[in-house]
Amino acid sequence: MRPLTVRAHLTSPMIATHPLMLDGILYFGIGRIKGREAGGAWVSPSEVYETPLPLEAITAVDGWWWAASQAIPLGGERGAYMHRRTEPSILATWTTAKSLNRSTGPDKSLRTPIYYRWRGRFVEWTCVGDPLMIGVLLAQISSLGAKVTHGWGGVERWEVLYKGPELKEYRSDLNLRHLPVSSLKPHDSRATRMNLPLRPPYHNRRDAVAVYQVRR
């Protein structure tokens, strides 16, 4: 285990409005590997998240978390639109209905605004971990951010550099990642008080605790 910097080089701009956590991305890589090992069968999320990451861990009174940073989306945004238009000739092969409502309901045509980081061509994190195993997991990740199935946030290549903050920094530096409120006093005016889990899955609010997080 050693201090590292992880860099994703992008082929297309990324859509992101919140910090991207490296440990969560690595778990996505684990899910990809386990899915292939299962021969395409369904793999439960608990099986994925019970797998240890090739990272050092930080233990505190309030819990523990991985020594991995977040990446804050930076730079200006530009707007674009995504469209969904129903094709009646296709639906006609699946129904005998005499009419189709494209103004309301599930077949409604949509024009949805999106905002992308037009200057962002790489994203960078730091961590303390095993560079070889981290590289294996990163190789499973081909895109980052939202709307990736529409071509946004494509990853051209990953880079793992042998440099980065020491392990102790992940215990107290809010510029690296969110930390429990009870374990430190906020020393950054950009820090926002929130309720978040200390480790993935970050959408599981049952494990959320009061934290400070730098988001811009």
N, C-alpha and C. Protein backbone atom coordinates (compact mmCIF):
# COMPACT_ATOMS: atom_id res chain seq x y z
N MET A 1 0.84 -1.19 0.00
CA MET A 1 0.00 0.00 0.00
C MET A 1 0.88 1.25 0.00
N ARG A 2 0.55 2.18 -0.89
CA ARG A 2 1.37 3.38 -0.98
C ARG A 2 0.51 4.54 -1.48
N PRO A 3 0.92 5.79 -1.24
CA PRO A 3 0.17 6.94 -1.75
C PRO A 3 0.15 6.96 -3.28
N LEU A 4 -1.03 7.20 -3.83
CA LEU A 4 -1.21 7.17 -5.28
C LEU A 4 -2.08 8.33 -5.74
N THR A 5 -1.93 8.66 -7.01
CA THR A 5 -2.84 9.58 -7.70
C THR A 5 -3.44 8.82 -8.88
N VAL A 6 -4.75 8.87 -8.99
CA VAL A 6 -5.48 8.19 -10.06
C VAL A 6 -6.06 9.24 -10.98
N ARG A 7 -5.83 9.09 -12.27
CA ARG A 7 -6.30 10.09 -13.24
C ARG A 7 -7.04 9.40 -14.37
N ALA A 8 -8.25 9.88 -14.65
CA ALA A 8 -9.04 9.38 -15.78
C ALA A 8 -8.97 10.39 -16.91
N HIS A 9 -8.50 9.96 -18.08
CA HIS A 9 -8.47 10.81 -19.27
C HIS A 9 -9.74 10.53 -20.07
N LEU A 10 -10.50 11.58 -20.36
CA LEU A 10 -11.82 11.45 -20.96
C LEU A 10 -11.81 11.70 -22.46
N THR A 11 -12.70 11.01 -23.16
CA THR A 11 -12.89 11.23 -24.59
C THR A 11 -14.04 12.18 -24.85
N SER A 12 -14.91 12.40 -23.86
CA SER A 12 -16.06 13.28 -24.02
C SER A 12 -16.35 13.96 -22.69
N PRO A 13 -16.95 15.15 -22.70
CA PRO A 13 -17.24 15.87 -21.46
C PRO A 13 -18.11 15.04 -20.53
N MET A 14 -17.98 15.34 -19.24
CA MET A 14 -18.70 14.59 -18.21
C MET A 14 -19.87 15.42 -17.68
N ILE A 15 -20.95 14.75 -17.36
CA ILE A 15 -22.09 15.38 -16.69
C ILE A 15 -22.03 14.99 -15.22
N ALA A 16 -21.77 15.96 -14.36
CA ALA A 16 -21.66 15.68 -12.92
C ALA A 16 -21.90 16.96 -12.15
N THR A 17 -22.68 16.85 -11.07
CA THR A 17 -22.96 18.00 -10.23
C THR A 17 -22.53 17.78 -8.78
N HIS A 18 -22.05 16.60 -8.45
CA HIS A 18 -21.66 16.29 -7.07
C HIS A 18 -20.31 15.57 -7.09
N PRO A 19 -19.60 15.55 -5.98
CA PRO A 19 -18.29 14.89 -5.94
C PRO A 19 -18.38 13.41 -6.30
N LEU A 20 -17.39 12.94 -7.06
CA LEU A 20 -17.29 11.53 -7.41
C LEU A 20 -16.29 10.87 -6.48
N MET A 21 -16.71 9.80 -5.80
CA MET A 21 -15.88 9.13 -4.82
C MET A 21 -15.13 7.97 -5.46
N LEU A 22 -13.81 7.94 -5.29
CA LEU A 22 -13.00 6.90 -5.91
C LEU A 22 -13.35 5.51 -5.40
N ASP A 23 -13.63 5.38 -4.10
CA ASP A 23 -13.95 4.04 -3.58
C ASP A 23 -15.24 3.50 -4.19
N GLY A 24 -16.21 4.38 -4.43
CA GLY A 24 -17.43 3.93 -5.08
C GLY A 24 -17.18 3.47 -6.51
N ILE A 25 -16.31 4.16 -7.22
CA ILE A 25 -15.95 3.77 -8.58
C ILE A 25 -15.25 2.42 -8.59
N LEU A 26 -14.37 2.19 -7.62
CA LEU A 26 -13.67 0.91 -7.55
C LEU A 26 -14.64 -0.24 -7.27
N TYR A 27 -15.66 0.02 -6.46
CA TYR A 27 -16.65 -1.03 -6.22
C TYR A 27 -17.43 -1.36 -7.50
N PHE A 28 -17.62 -0.37 -8.36
CA PHE A 28 -18.27 -0.66 -9.64
C PHE A 28 -17.40 -1.62 -10.45
N GLY A 29 -16.09 -1.44 -10.38
CA GLY A 29 -15.19 -2.37 -11.04
C GLY A 29 -15.30 -3.77 -10.48
N ILE A 30 -15.41 -3.88 -9.15
CA ILE A 30 -15.59 -5.19 -8.53
C ILE A 30 -16.89 -5.84 -9.01
N GLY A 31 -17.94 -5.05 -9.12
CA GLY A 31 -19.21 -5.59 -9.60
C GLY A 31 -19.11 -6.13 -11.02
N ARG A 32 -18.35 -5.44 -11.88
CA ARG A 32 -18.16 -5.91 -13.24
C ARG A 32 -17.44 -7.26 -13.24
N ILE A 33 -16.40 -7.38 -12.43
CA ILE A 33 -15.63 -8.62 -12.39
C ILE A 33 -16.47 -9.77 -11.85
N LYS A 34 -17.20 -9.52 -10.77
CA LYS A 34 -18.02 -10.58 -10.18
C LYS A 34 -19.14 -10.99 -11.12
N GLY A 35 -19.67 -10.04 -11.89
CA GLY A 35 -20.71 -10.39 -12.85
C GLY A 35 -20.20 -11.33 -13.92
N ARG A 36 -18.99 -11.09 -14.39
CA ARG A 36 -18.41 -12.00 -15.40
C ARG A 36 -18.12 -13.36 -14.80
N GLU A 37 -17.61 -13.36 -13.56
CA GLU A 37 -17.32 -14.64 -12.92
C GLU A 37 -18.58 -15.47 -12.71
N ALA A 38 -19.71 -14.80 -12.56
CA ALA A 38 -20.98 -15.51 -12.36
C ALA A 38 -21.61 -15.93 -13.68
N GLY A 39 -20.89 -15.75 -14.78
CA GLY A 39 -21.41 -16.16 -16.07
C GLY A 39 -22.60 -15.36 -16.52
N GLY A 40 -22.65 -14.08 -16.14
CA GLY A 40 -23.76 -13.24 -16.53
C GLY A 40 -24.93 -13.30 -15.57
N ALA A 41 -24.82 -14.11 -14.53
CA ALA A 41 -25.89 -14.20 -13.54
C ALA A 41 -25.91 -12.96 -12.66
N TRP A 42 -27.03 -12.75 -11.97
CA TRP A 42 -27.17 -11.59 -11.11
C TRP A 42 -26.31 -11.76 -9.87
N VAL A 43 -25.58 -10.69 -9.50
CA VAL A 43 -24.75 -10.68 -8.30
C VAL A 43 -25.34 -9.67 -7.33
N SER A 44 -25.58 -10.07 -6.10
CA SER A 44 -26.23 -9.19 -5.14
C SER A 44 -25.30 -8.04 -4.75
N PRO A 45 -25.84 -6.84 -4.52
CA PRO A 45 -25.01 -5.71 -4.07
C PRO A 45 -24.24 -6.02 -2.79
N SER A 46 -24.86 -6.78 -1.87
CA SER A 46 -24.17 -7.09 -0.62
C SER A 46 -22.91 -7.90 -0.87
N GLU A 47 -22.94 -8.78 -1.85
CA GLU A 47 -21.74 -9.56 -2.19
C GLU A 47 -20.64 -8.65 -2.71
N VAL A 48 -21.02 -7.64 -3.47
CA VAL A 48 -20.03 -6.71 -4.01
C VAL A 48 -19.42 -5.87 -2.89
N TYR A 49 -20.27 -5.27 -2.06
CA TYR A 49 -19.79 -4.33 -1.05
C TYR A 49 -19.12 -5.03 0.14
N GLU A 50 -19.29 -6.33 0.27
CA GLU A 50 -18.57 -7.06 1.31
C GLU A 50 -17.15 -7.41 0.89
N THR A 51 -16.83 -7.17 -0.37
CA THR A 51 -15.48 -7.44 -0.88
C THR A 51 -14.56 -6.30 -0.48
N PRO A 52 -13.44 -6.57 0.19
CA PRO A 52 -12.52 -5.49 0.58
C PRO A 52 -11.89 -4.84 -0.65
N LEU A 53 -11.72 -3.53 -0.57
CA LEU A 53 -11.03 -2.80 -1.62
C LEU A 53 -9.51 -2.85 -1.39
N PRO A 54 -8.70 -2.71 -2.42
CA PRO A 54 -7.24 -2.68 -2.25
C PRO A 54 -6.77 -1.32 -1.77
N LEU A 55 -7.38 -0.86 -0.67
CA LEU A 55 -7.09 0.45 -0.09
C LEU A 55 -6.84 0.32 1.40
N GLU A 56 -6.07 1.26 1.95
CA GLU A 56 -5.95 1.36 3.40
C GLU A 56 -7.24 1.92 3.96
N ALA A 57 -7.52 1.61 5.22
CA ALA A 57 -8.73 2.08 5.88
C ALA A 57 -8.37 3.01 7.04
N ILE A 58 -9.26 3.97 7.28
CA ILE A 58 -9.12 4.90 8.41
C ILE A 58 -10.20 4.57 9.43
N THR A 59 -9.81 4.35 10.66
CA THR A 59 -10.76 4.03 11.73
C THR A 59 -10.85 5.19 12.71
N ALA A 60 -12.07 5.56 13.06
CA ALA A 60 -12.31 6.64 14.02
C ALA A 60 -13.43 6.22 14.96
N VAL A 61 -13.74 7.09 15.93
CA VAL A 61 -14.79 6.79 16.90
C VAL A 61 -16.13 6.60 16.20
N ASP A 62 -16.36 7.38 15.14
CA ASP A 62 -17.66 7.37 14.48
C ASP A 62 -17.80 6.28 13.43
N GLY A 63 -16.74 5.55 13.16
CA GLY A 63 -16.80 4.53 12.13
C GLY A 63 -15.48 4.45 11.38
N TRP A 64 -15.54 3.94 10.16
CA TRP A 64 -14.32 3.84 9.37
C TRP A 64 -14.63 4.13 7.90
N TRP A 65 -13.58 4.49 7.17
CA TRP A 65 -13.72 4.79 5.76
C TRP A 65 -12.43 4.47 5.03
N TRP A 66 -12.53 4.37 3.71
CA TRP A 66 -11.36 4.05 2.90
C TRP A 66 -10.51 5.30 2.67
N ALA A 67 -9.21 5.11 2.58
CA ALA A 67 -8.28 6.21 2.31
C ALA A 67 -8.29 6.50 0.81
N ALA A 68 -9.37 7.12 0.37
CA ALA A 68 -9.56 7.47 -1.04
C ALA A 68 -10.30 8.79 -1.12
N SER A 69 -9.94 9.60 -2.07
CA SER A 69 -10.48 10.96 -2.13
C SER A 69 -11.72 11.04 -3.02
N GLN A 70 -12.28 12.22 -3.04
CA GLN A 70 -13.35 12.56 -3.97
C GLN A 70 -12.76 13.45 -5.07
N ALA A 71 -13.49 13.54 -6.17
CA ALA A 71 -13.14 14.48 -7.24
C ALA A 71 -14.31 15.44 -7.40
N ILE A 72 -14.04 16.72 -7.22
CA ILE A 72 -15.08 17.74 -7.33
C ILE A 72 -15.17 18.20 -8.78
N PRO A 73 -16.35 18.11 -9.41
CA PRO A 73 -16.48 18.61 -10.78
C PRO A 73 -16.19 20.11 -10.83
N LEU A 74 -15.23 20.52 -11.64
CA LEU A 74 -14.83 21.91 -11.73
C LEU A 74 -14.98 22.42 -13.16
N GLY A 75 -14.89 23.72 -13.31
CA GLY A 75 -14.98 24.32 -14.64
C GLY A 75 -16.39 24.70 -15.01
N GLY A 76 -16.50 25.52 -16.05
CA GLY A 76 -17.80 25.98 -16.50
C GLY A 76 -18.63 24.89 -17.13
N GLU A 77 -19.93 25.14 -17.14
CA GLU A 77 -20.87 24.19 -17.75
C GLU A 77 -21.50 24.80 -19.00
N ARG A 78 -21.87 23.94 -19.91
CA ARG A 78 -22.65 24.33 -21.07
C ARG A 78 -23.91 23.48 -21.14
N GLY A 79 -24.94 24.04 -21.72
CA GLY A 79 -26.21 23.35 -21.80
C GLY A 79 -26.42 22.63 -23.12
N ALA A 80 -27.16 21.56 -23.06
CA ALA A 80 -27.57 20.82 -24.25
C ALA A 80 -28.92 20.18 -23.93
N TYR A 81 -29.47 19.47 -24.88
CA TYR A 81 -30.76 18.83 -24.67
C TYR A 81 -30.70 17.36 -25.09
N MET A 82 -31.42 16.56 -24.34
CA MET A 82 -31.65 15.18 -24.74
C MET A 82 -33.12 15.04 -25.12
N HIS A 83 -33.38 14.32 -26.20
CA HIS A 83 -34.73 14.19 -26.71
C HIS A 83 -35.19 12.74 -26.71
N ARG A 84 -36.45 12.58 -26.43
CA ARG A 84 -37.08 11.26 -26.56
C ARG A 84 -38.37 11.45 -27.34
N ARG A 85 -38.39 10.88 -28.51
CA ARG A 85 -39.58 10.98 -29.35
C ARG A 85 -40.08 9.57 -29.67
N THR A 86 -41.32 9.33 -29.42
CA THR A 86 -41.91 8.03 -29.67
C THR A 86 -42.11 7.81 -31.16
N GLU A 87 -41.73 6.65 -31.64
CA GLU A 87 -41.90 6.29 -33.05
C GLU A 87 -43.14 5.41 -33.19
N PRO A 88 -44.24 5.96 -33.69
CA PRO A 88 -45.49 5.19 -33.77
C PRO A 88 -45.37 3.90 -34.57
N SER A 89 -44.59 3.90 -35.65
CA SER A 89 -44.51 2.70 -36.49
C SER A 89 -43.90 1.53 -35.74
N ILE A 90 -43.01 1.83 -34.79
CA ILE A 90 -42.42 0.76 -33.99
C ILE A 90 -43.44 0.23 -32.98
N LEU A 91 -44.14 1.15 -32.30
CA LEU A 91 -45.13 0.72 -31.31
C LEU A 91 -46.28 -0.04 -31.95
N ALA A 92 -46.55 0.23 -33.18
CA ALA A 92 -47.67 -0.44 -33.85
C ALA A 92 -47.46 -1.95 -33.95
N THR A 93 -46.22 -2.38 -33.89
CA THR A 93 -45.94 -3.82 -33.95
C THR A 93 -46.19 -4.50 -32.61
N TRP A 94 -46.40 -3.70 -31.55
CA TRP A 94 -46.54 -4.27 -30.21
C TRP A 94 -47.93 -4.07 -29.60
N THR A 95 -48.81 -3.36 -30.30
CA THR A 95 -50.12 -3.11 -29.72
C THR A 95 -51.18 -3.04 -30.82
N THR A 96 -52.41 -3.29 -30.42
CA THR A 96 -53.54 -3.13 -31.33
C THR A 96 -54.34 -1.88 -31.02
N ALA A 97 -53.78 -1.00 -30.15
CA ALA A 97 -54.48 0.24 -29.78
C ALA A 97 -54.71 1.10 -31.02
N LYS A 98 -55.83 1.82 -31.01
CA LYS A 98 -56.19 2.65 -32.15
C LYS A 98 -55.58 4.04 -32.08
N SER A 99 -55.07 4.43 -30.91
CA SER A 99 -54.50 5.77 -30.77
C SER A 99 -53.30 5.72 -29.84
N LEU A 100 -52.49 6.77 -29.91
CA LEU A 100 -51.28 6.88 -29.10
C LEU A 100 -51.19 8.30 -28.56
N ASN A 101 -51.04 8.43 -27.24
CA ASN A 101 -50.96 9.74 -26.60
C ASN A 101 -49.49 10.09 -26.39
N ARG A 102 -48.98 11.04 -27.20
CA ARG A 102 -47.60 11.46 -27.05
C ARG A 102 -47.47 12.78 -26.29
N SER A 103 -48.56 13.22 -25.66
CA SER A 103 -48.54 14.45 -24.87
C SER A 103 -48.39 14.19 -23.38
N THR A 104 -48.88 13.05 -22.92
CA THR A 104 -48.80 12.70 -21.50
C THR A 104 -48.48 11.22 -21.38
N GLY A 105 -48.18 10.80 -20.17
CA GLY A 105 -47.97 9.38 -19.91
C GLY A 105 -46.61 8.87 -20.32
N PRO A 106 -46.42 7.54 -20.30
CA PRO A 106 -45.10 6.95 -20.55
C PRO A 106 -44.59 7.13 -21.98
N ASP A 107 -45.48 7.45 -22.92
CA ASP A 107 -45.06 7.65 -24.31
C ASP A 107 -44.86 9.12 -24.66
N LYS A 108 -44.83 9.96 -23.66
CA LYS A 108 -44.69 11.40 -23.90
C LYS A 108 -43.32 11.73 -24.48
N SER A 109 -43.29 12.58 -25.49
CA SER A 109 -42.02 13.05 -26.04
C SER A 109 -41.40 14.05 -25.08
N LEU A 110 -40.09 13.94 -24.88
CA LEU A 110 -39.40 14.77 -23.89
C LEU A 110 -38.27 15.55 -24.53
N ARG A 111 -38.02 16.74 -24.01
CA ARG A 111 -36.87 17.57 -24.34
C ARG A 111 -36.24 17.96 -23.01
N THR A 112 -35.22 17.23 -22.59
CA THR A 112 -34.66 17.37 -21.25
C THR A 112 -33.34 18.14 -21.30
N PRO A 113 -33.21 19.24 -20.52
CA PRO A 113 -31.94 19.96 -20.50
C PRO A 113 -30.88 19.21 -19.70
N ILE A 114 -29.64 19.23 -20.17
CA ILE A 114 -28.51 18.67 -19.45
C ILE A 114 -27.38 19.69 -19.46
N TYR A 115 -26.46 19.56 -18.51
CA TYR A 115 -25.35 20.51 -18.39
C TYR A 115 -24.05 19.73 -18.24
N TYR A 116 -23.12 19.99 -19.12
CA TYR A 116 -21.89 19.23 -19.14
C TYR A 116 -20.68 20.13 -18.91
N ARG A 117 -19.61 19.50 -18.36
CA ARG A 117 -18.36 20.21 -18.09
C ARG A 117 -17.52 20.24 -19.36
N TRP A 118 -17.69 21.27 -20.15
CA TRP A 118 -17.17 21.27 -21.51
C TRP A 118 -15.65 21.33 -21.57
N ARG A 119 -14.98 21.83 -20.53
CA ARG A 119 -13.52 21.90 -20.55
C ARG A 119 -12.86 20.69 -19.90
N GLY A 120 -13.63 19.91 -19.17
CA GLY A 120 -13.04 18.80 -18.42
C GLY A 120 -12.62 17.65 -19.31
N ARG A 121 -11.34 17.38 -19.37
CA ARG A 121 -10.85 16.25 -20.15
C ARG A 121 -10.10 15.24 -19.29
N PHE A 122 -10.00 15.52 -18.00
CA PHE A 122 -9.49 14.50 -17.09
C PHE A 122 -10.05 14.74 -15.70
N VAL A 123 -10.12 13.68 -14.91
CA VAL A 123 -10.60 13.72 -13.53
C VAL A 123 -9.53 13.06 -12.68
N GLU A 124 -9.28 13.62 -11.48
CA GLU A 124 -8.16 13.12 -10.68
C GLU A 124 -8.58 12.88 -9.23
N TRP A 125 -8.10 11.77 -8.68
CA TRP A 125 -8.29 11.41 -7.29
C TRP A 125 -6.94 11.05 -6.67
N THR A 126 -6.93 10.88 -5.34
CA THR A 126 -5.77 10.32 -4.67
C THR A 126 -6.25 9.21 -3.73
N CYS A 127 -5.34 8.36 -3.33
CA CYS A 127 -5.67 7.27 -2.41
C CYS A 127 -4.39 6.69 -1.85
N VAL A 128 -4.53 5.77 -0.91
CA VAL A 128 -3.42 4.96 -0.41
C VAL A 128 -3.84 3.51 -0.60
N GLY A 129 -3.14 2.82 -1.50
CA GLY A 129 -3.56 1.46 -1.80
C GLY A 129 -2.57 0.70 -2.65
N ASP A 130 -3.04 -0.42 -3.17
CA ASP A 130 -2.24 -1.32 -3.99
C ASP A 130 -2.38 -0.90 -5.46
N PRO A 131 -1.33 -0.37 -6.08
CA PRO A 131 -1.47 0.16 -7.44
C PRO A 131 -1.86 -0.89 -8.47
N LEU A 132 -1.38 -2.11 -8.34
CA LEU A 132 -1.69 -3.14 -9.32
C LEU A 132 -3.16 -3.55 -9.26
N MET A 133 -3.67 -3.79 -8.07
CA MET A 133 -5.06 -4.19 -7.93
C MET A 133 -6.01 -3.04 -8.29
N ILE A 134 -5.62 -1.83 -7.94
CA ILE A 134 -6.44 -0.67 -8.31
C ILE A 134 -6.51 -0.54 -9.83
N GLY A 135 -5.38 -0.77 -10.50
CA GLY A 135 -5.36 -0.73 -11.95
C GLY A 135 -6.29 -1.76 -12.58
N VAL A 136 -6.35 -2.95 -11.99
CA VAL A 136 -7.26 -3.99 -12.50
C VAL A 136 -8.71 -3.54 -12.40
N LEU A 137 -9.07 -2.93 -11.28
CA LEU A 137 -10.46 -2.48 -11.10
C LEU A 137 -10.78 -1.30 -12.01
N LEU A 138 -9.84 -0.37 -12.15
CA LEU A 138 -10.09 0.78 -13.01
C LEU A 138 -10.28 0.37 -14.47
N ALA A 139 -9.61 -0.69 -14.89
CA ALA A 139 -9.72 -1.16 -16.27
C ALA A 139 -11.15 -1.59 -16.61
N GLN A 140 -11.99 -1.81 -15.60
CA GLN A 140 -13.38 -2.21 -15.83
C GLN A 140 -14.29 -1.01 -16.10
N ILE A 141 -13.79 0.20 -15.85
CA ILE A 141 -14.62 1.40 -15.89
C ILE A 141 -14.40 2.13 -17.21
N SER A 142 -15.43 2.26 -18.00
CA SER A 142 -15.31 2.88 -19.32
C SER A 142 -15.97 4.26 -19.40
N SER A 143 -16.62 4.71 -18.33
CA SER A 143 -17.29 6.01 -18.37
C SER A 143 -17.54 6.50 -16.96
N LEU A 144 -17.73 7.81 -16.82
CA LEU A 144 -17.94 8.44 -15.52
C LEU A 144 -19.07 9.46 -15.61
N GLY A 145 -19.77 9.65 -14.49
CA GLY A 145 -20.81 10.67 -14.43
C GLY A 145 -22.16 10.15 -14.88
N ALA A 146 -23.03 11.08 -15.26
CA ALA A 146 -24.40 10.76 -15.66
C ALA A 146 -24.53 10.66 -17.17
N LYS A 147 -25.61 10.03 -17.63
CA LYS A 147 -25.96 9.90 -19.04
C LYS A 147 -24.84 9.24 -19.86
N VAL A 148 -24.15 8.29 -19.26
CA VAL A 148 -23.02 7.67 -19.96
C VAL A 148 -23.47 6.81 -21.14
N THR A 149 -24.69 6.30 -21.11
CA THR A 149 -25.17 5.50 -22.23
C THR A 149 -25.47 6.35 -23.45
N HIS A 150 -25.43 7.66 -23.28
CA HIS A 150 -25.64 8.58 -24.40
C HIS A 150 -24.31 9.19 -24.88
N GLY A 151 -23.20 8.64 -24.38
CA GLY A 151 -21.90 9.08 -24.88
C GLY A 151 -21.16 10.09 -24.04
N TRP A 152 -21.71 10.48 -22.91
CA TRP A 152 -21.05 11.47 -22.05
C TRP A 152 -20.07 10.77 -21.11
N GLY A 153 -18.96 11.46 -20.80
CA GLY A 153 -18.02 10.98 -19.80
C GLY A 153 -17.26 9.72 -20.16
N GLY A 154 -17.00 9.51 -21.44
CA GLY A 154 -16.25 8.32 -21.84
C GLY A 154 -14.80 8.38 -21.39
N VAL A 155 -14.28 7.27 -20.89
CA VAL A 155 -12.89 7.20 -20.41
C VAL A 155 -12.01 6.62 -21.51
N GLU A 156 -11.00 7.37 -21.92
CA GLU A 156 -10.04 6.89 -22.90
C GLU A 156 -9.01 5.96 -22.26
N ARG A 157 -8.48 6.39 -21.11
CA ARG A 157 -7.48 5.58 -20.41
C ARG A 157 -7.37 6.04 -18.97
N TRP A 158 -6.85 5.15 -18.14
CA TRP A 158 -6.59 5.43 -16.73
C TRP A 158 -5.09 5.54 -16.50
N GLU A 159 -4.72 6.36 -15.54
CA GLU A 159 -3.32 6.54 -15.19
C GLU A 159 -3.19 6.47 -13.67
N VAL A 160 -2.25 5.66 -13.19
CA VAL A 160 -1.98 5.55 -11.75
C VAL A 160 -0.55 6.03 -11.50
N LEU A 161 -0.42 7.10 -10.72
CA LEU A 161 0.88 7.72 -10.46
C LEU A 161 1.30 7.46 -9.02
N TYR A 162 2.58 7.28 -8.81
CA TYR A 162 3.09 6.95 -7.49
C TYR A 162 3.39 8.23 -6.70
N LYS A 163 2.33 8.95 -6.39
CA LYS A 163 2.45 10.15 -5.57
C LYS A 163 1.09 10.46 -4.98
N GLY A 164 1.07 11.21 -3.88
CA GLY A 164 -0.19 11.57 -3.25
C GLY A 164 -0.04 11.81 -1.77
N PRO A 165 -1.10 12.26 -1.10
CA PRO A 165 -1.06 12.51 0.34
C PRO A 165 -0.78 11.24 1.14
N GLU A 166 -0.17 11.41 2.28
CA GLU A 166 0.08 10.30 3.18
C GLU A 166 -1.22 9.85 3.85
N LEU A 167 -1.18 8.66 4.44
CA LEU A 167 -2.37 8.05 5.02
C LEU A 167 -3.04 8.95 6.05
N LYS A 168 -2.28 9.60 6.90
CA LYS A 168 -2.86 10.41 7.98
C LYS A 168 -3.71 11.56 7.47
N GLU A 169 -3.46 12.02 6.23
CA GLU A 169 -4.22 13.15 5.69
C GLU A 169 -5.69 12.80 5.47
N TYR A 170 -5.98 11.53 5.24
CA TYR A 170 -7.36 11.12 4.99
C TYR A 170 -8.19 11.09 6.26
N ARG A 171 -7.56 11.34 7.38
CA ARG A 171 -8.27 11.40 8.66
C ARG A 171 -8.78 12.80 8.97
N SER A 172 -8.17 13.84 8.36
CA SER A 172 -8.50 15.19 8.80
C SER A 172 -8.61 16.23 7.68
N ASP A 173 -8.23 15.90 6.45
CA ASP A 173 -8.19 16.90 5.39
C ASP A 173 -9.50 16.88 4.60
N LEU A 174 -10.31 17.93 4.78
CA LEU A 174 -11.59 18.01 4.08
C LEU A 174 -11.44 18.25 2.59
N ASN A 175 -10.28 18.67 2.15
CA ASN A 175 -10.06 18.84 0.73
C ASN A 175 -9.95 17.49 0.02
N LEU A 176 -9.74 16.43 0.79
CA LEU A 176 -9.63 15.10 0.19
C LEU A 176 -10.99 14.40 0.10
N ARG A 177 -11.78 14.47 1.19
CA ARG A 177 -13.05 13.74 1.21
C ARG A 177 -13.89 14.24 2.38
N HIS A 178 -15.15 13.79 2.43
CA HIS A 178 -16.01 14.18 3.54
C HIS A 178 -15.61 13.42 4.79
N LEU A 179 -15.79 14.07 5.95
CA LEU A 179 -15.36 13.52 7.23
C LEU A 179 -16.43 13.76 8.28
N PRO A 180 -16.50 12.91 9.32
CA PRO A 180 -17.54 13.06 10.35
C PRO A 180 -17.45 14.40 11.07
N VAL A 181 -18.59 15.01 11.34
CA VAL A 181 -18.64 16.29 12.04
C VAL A 181 -18.01 16.19 13.41
N SER A 182 -18.26 15.09 14.10
CA SER A 182 -17.79 14.96 15.48
C SER A 182 -16.29 14.76 15.60
N SER A 183 -15.61 14.47 14.47
CA SER A 183 -14.19 14.18 14.56
C SER A 183 -13.30 15.36 14.20
N LEU A 184 -13.89 16.49 13.79
CA LEU A 184 -13.06 17.64 13.43
C LEU A 184 -13.92 18.90 13.42
N LYS A 185 -13.25 20.02 13.41
CA LYS A 185 -13.90 21.31 13.23
C LYS A 185 -13.65 21.77 11.79
N PRO A 186 -14.69 22.27 11.12
CA PRO A 186 -14.50 22.67 9.73
C PRO A 186 -13.51 23.83 9.63
N HIS A 187 -12.50 23.68 8.80
CA HIS A 187 -11.51 24.73 8.64
C HIS A 187 -11.50 25.24 7.21
N ASP A 188 -12.55 24.95 6.48
CA ASP A 188 -12.65 25.37 5.09
C ASP A 188 -14.02 26.00 4.89
N SER A 189 -14.04 27.24 4.43
CA SER A 189 -15.30 27.95 4.25
C SER A 189 -16.19 27.30 3.20
N ARG A 190 -15.62 26.43 2.37
CA ARG A 190 -16.41 25.76 1.34
C ARG A 190 -17.12 24.52 1.87
N ALA A 191 -16.84 24.12 3.08
CA ALA A 191 -17.40 22.88 3.62
C ALA A 191 -18.89 23.04 3.91
N THR A 192 -19.65 22.03 3.52
CA THR A 192 -21.10 21.99 3.74
C THR A 192 -21.43 20.84 4.67
N ARG A 193 -22.28 21.10 5.64
CA ARG A 193 -22.71 20.03 6.55
C ARG A 193 -23.81 19.22 5.87
N MET A 194 -23.63 17.90 5.87
CA MET A 194 -24.56 17.01 5.18
C MET A 194 -24.69 15.71 5.98
N ASN A 195 -25.59 14.86 5.52
CA ASN A 195 -25.69 13.50 6.04
C ASN A 195 -25.33 12.52 4.93
N LEU A 196 -24.19 11.82 5.10
CA LEU A 196 -23.71 10.89 4.09
C LEU A 196 -23.09 9.68 4.78
N PRO A 197 -23.15 8.51 4.15
CA PRO A 197 -22.39 7.37 4.65
C PRO A 197 -20.89 7.66 4.54
N LEU A 198 -20.10 6.98 5.35
CA LEU A 198 -18.65 7.18 5.33
C LEU A 198 -17.97 6.32 4.27
N ARG A 199 -18.66 5.36 3.73
CA ARG A 199 -18.10 4.49 2.69
C ARG A 199 -19.23 3.95 1.82
N PRO A 200 -18.94 3.41 0.67
CA PRO A 200 -19.98 2.92 -0.24
C PRO A 200 -20.79 1.80 0.41
N PRO A 201 -22.06 1.66 -0.03
CA PRO A 201 -22.75 2.45 -1.06
C PRO A 201 -23.25 3.78 -0.51
N TYR A 202 -22.93 4.86 -1.20
CA TYR A 202 -23.27 6.19 -0.71
C TYR A 202 -24.74 6.52 -0.83
N HIS A 203 -25.49 5.75 -1.59
CA HIS A 203 -26.93 5.98 -1.69
C HIS A 203 -27.69 5.37 -0.52
N ASN A 204 -27.02 4.57 0.32
CA ASN A 204 -27.68 3.91 1.44
C ASN A 204 -27.78 4.87 2.61
N ARG A 205 -28.87 5.57 2.72
CA ARG A 205 -29.03 6.61 3.75
C ARG A 205 -29.16 6.03 5.16
N ARG A 206 -29.40 4.74 5.28
CA ARG A 206 -29.49 4.15 6.61
C ARG A 206 -28.16 4.21 7.34
N ASP A 207 -27.06 4.29 6.59
CA ASP A 207 -25.74 4.35 7.18
C ASP A 207 -25.19 5.77 7.24
N ALA A 208 -26.03 6.77 6.95
CA ALA A 208 -25.55 8.15 6.89
C ALA A 208 -25.26 8.71 8.28
N VAL A 209 -24.23 9.53 8.36
CA VAL A 209 -23.89 10.25 9.58
C VAL A 209 -23.66 11.71 9.21
N ALA A 210 -23.61 12.56 10.21
CA ALA A 210 -23.35 13.98 9.96
C ALA A 210 -21.90 14.17 9.55
N VAL A 211 -21.68 14.83 8.40
CA VAL A 211 -20.34 15.02 7.88
C VAL A 211 -20.20 16.44 7.35
N TYR A 212 -18.95 16.83 7.16
CA TYR A 212 -18.64 18.02 6.38
C TYR A 212 -18.08 17.56 5.04
N GLN A 213 -18.48 18.24 3.96
CA GLN A 213 -17.97 17.90 2.63
C GLN A 213 -17.74 19.19 1.84
N VAL A 214 -16.60 19.24 1.17
CA VAL A 214 -16.30 20.33 0.24
C VAL A 214 -16.87 19.95 -1.11
N ARG A 215 -17.72 20.79 -1.67
CA ARG A 215 -18.43 20.43 -2.89
C ARG A 215 -18.15 21.38 -4.05
N ARG A 216 -17.30 22.36 -3.88
CA ARG A 216 -17.02 23.30 -4.98
C ARG A 216 -15.66 23.93 -4.80
